[in-house]
Amino acid sequence: MKTQKTDCALHAELVFYAPRGLSRDEAARYIGVGTTKFDEMVADGRMPRPKRIDGRVVWDRLKIEAFFSDLPDDDAVNPLDRMLRAA
């Protein structure tokens, strides 16, 4: 016999939670770089060091966001933007 799920139960199954801990690949993808560049950024302090949970190494998504926000902005003017402003 099939049981009908309530609207609340259906809604609960559709709720998405962003993971707090990210693997190395996920962390690199999250900020839009490859794993090699991400490793360089961790080594030089532009990205945070990971946490260890038993045998798993994870990066805290919130720390990644904070470090990413602290990266300098590229103040160079995009050539396409310059052409559009001139038009």
Protein backbone atom coordinates (compact mmCIF):
# COMPACT_ATOMS: atom_id res chain seq x y z
CA MET A 1 0.00 0.00 0.00
CA LYS A 2 1.42 3.38 -1.01
CA THR A 3 1.44 6.16 1.53
CA GLN A 4 0.89 9.69 0.37
CA LYS A 5 3.47 12.16 1.61
CA THR A 6 2.30 15.38 3.16
CA ASP A 7 3.17 18.72 1.56
CA CYS A 8 5.55 19.40 4.44
CA ALA A 9 7.42 16.13 3.88
CA LEU A 10 7.67 16.81 0.14
CA HIS A 11 8.98 20.29 0.82
CA ALA A 12 11.59 18.97 3.25
CA GLU A 13 12.97 16.67 0.56
CA LEU A 14 13.40 19.61 -1.83
CA VAL A 15 15.33 21.85 0.56
CA PHE A 16 18.93 22.30 -0.54
CA TYR A 17 21.73 22.98 1.89
CA ALA A 18 25.06 24.22 0.54
CA PRO A 19 27.82 22.10 2.04
CA ARG A 20 29.94 23.85 4.65
CA GLY A 21 32.97 21.63 4.04
CA LEU A 22 34.39 21.37 0.54
CA SER A 23 36.91 18.96 -0.93
CA ARG A 24 39.98 20.40 -2.66
CA ASP A 25 38.37 20.02 -6.09
CA GLU A 26 35.11 21.58 -4.90
CA ALA A 27 36.91 24.47 -3.20
CA ALA A 28 38.93 25.24 -6.32
CA ARG A 29 35.82 25.08 -8.51
CA TYR A 30 33.93 27.26 -6.00
CA ILE A 31 36.32 30.17 -6.56
CA GLY A 32 36.73 29.50 -10.27
CA VAL A 33 40.30 28.21 -10.47
CA GLY A 34 41.96 24.88 -11.10
CA THR A 35 43.36 22.70 -8.31
CA THR A 36 46.98 23.65 -9.06
CA LYS A 37 46.21 27.38 -8.74
CA PHE A 38 44.13 26.69 -5.62
CA ASP A 39 47.08 24.81 -4.06
CA GLU A 40 49.34 27.80 -4.85
CA MET A 41 46.84 30.16 -3.24
CA VAL A 42 46.67 28.03 -0.08
CA ALA A 43 50.47 27.83 0.06
CA ASP A 44 50.92 31.62 -0.27
CA GLY A 45 48.11 32.46 2.15
CA ARG A 46 45.56 33.83 -0.32
CA MET A 47 43.22 30.93 0.56
CA PRO A 48 42.74 29.31 3.98
CA ARG A 49 44.32 26.09 5.15
CA PRO A 50 42.01 23.08 5.30
CA LYS A 51 40.55 21.35 8.33
CA ARG A 52 41.01 17.65 8.93
CA ILE A 53 37.99 15.55 9.83
CA ASP A 54 39.34 12.10 10.65
CA GLY A 55 41.03 11.11 7.38
CA ARG A 56 39.28 13.71 5.24
CA VAL A 57 40.68 17.13 4.36
CA VAL A 58 38.00 19.82 3.92
CA TRP A 59 37.92 23.57 3.36
CA ASP A 60 35.41 25.71 5.21
CA ARG A 61 33.22 27.39 2.58
CA LEU A 62 32.69 30.46 4.77
CA LYS A 63 36.44 30.96 5.23
CA ILE A 64 36.94 30.56 1.49
CA GLU A 65 34.35 33.28 0.91
CA ALA A 66 36.07 35.60 3.40
CA PHE A 67 39.52 35.03 1.86
CA PHE A 68 38.06 35.47 -1.63
CA SER A 69 36.51 38.79 -0.59
CA ASP A 70 39.93 39.94 0.62
CA LEU A 71 41.57 39.30 -2.77
CA PRO A 72 42.45 42.54 -4.56
CA ASP A 73 40.16 43.73 -7.32
CA ASP A 74 41.53 44.01 -10.82
CA ASP A 75 41.50 47.74 -11.42
CA ALA A 76 42.55 47.35 -15.04
CA VAL A 77 39.90 48.53 -17.46
CA ASN A 78 38.52 45.83 -19.71
CA PRO A 79 39.18 46.87 -23.37
CA LEU A 80 35.60 45.94 -24.32
CA ASP A 81 34.23 48.18 -21.55
CA ARG A 82 36.46 51.01 -22.79
CA MET A 83 35.10 50.63 -26.35
CA LEU A 84 31.50 50.54 -25.12
CA ARG A 85 32.00 53.72 -23.08
CA ALA A 86 33.50 55.50 -26.08
CA ALA A 87 30.55 54.58 -28.33
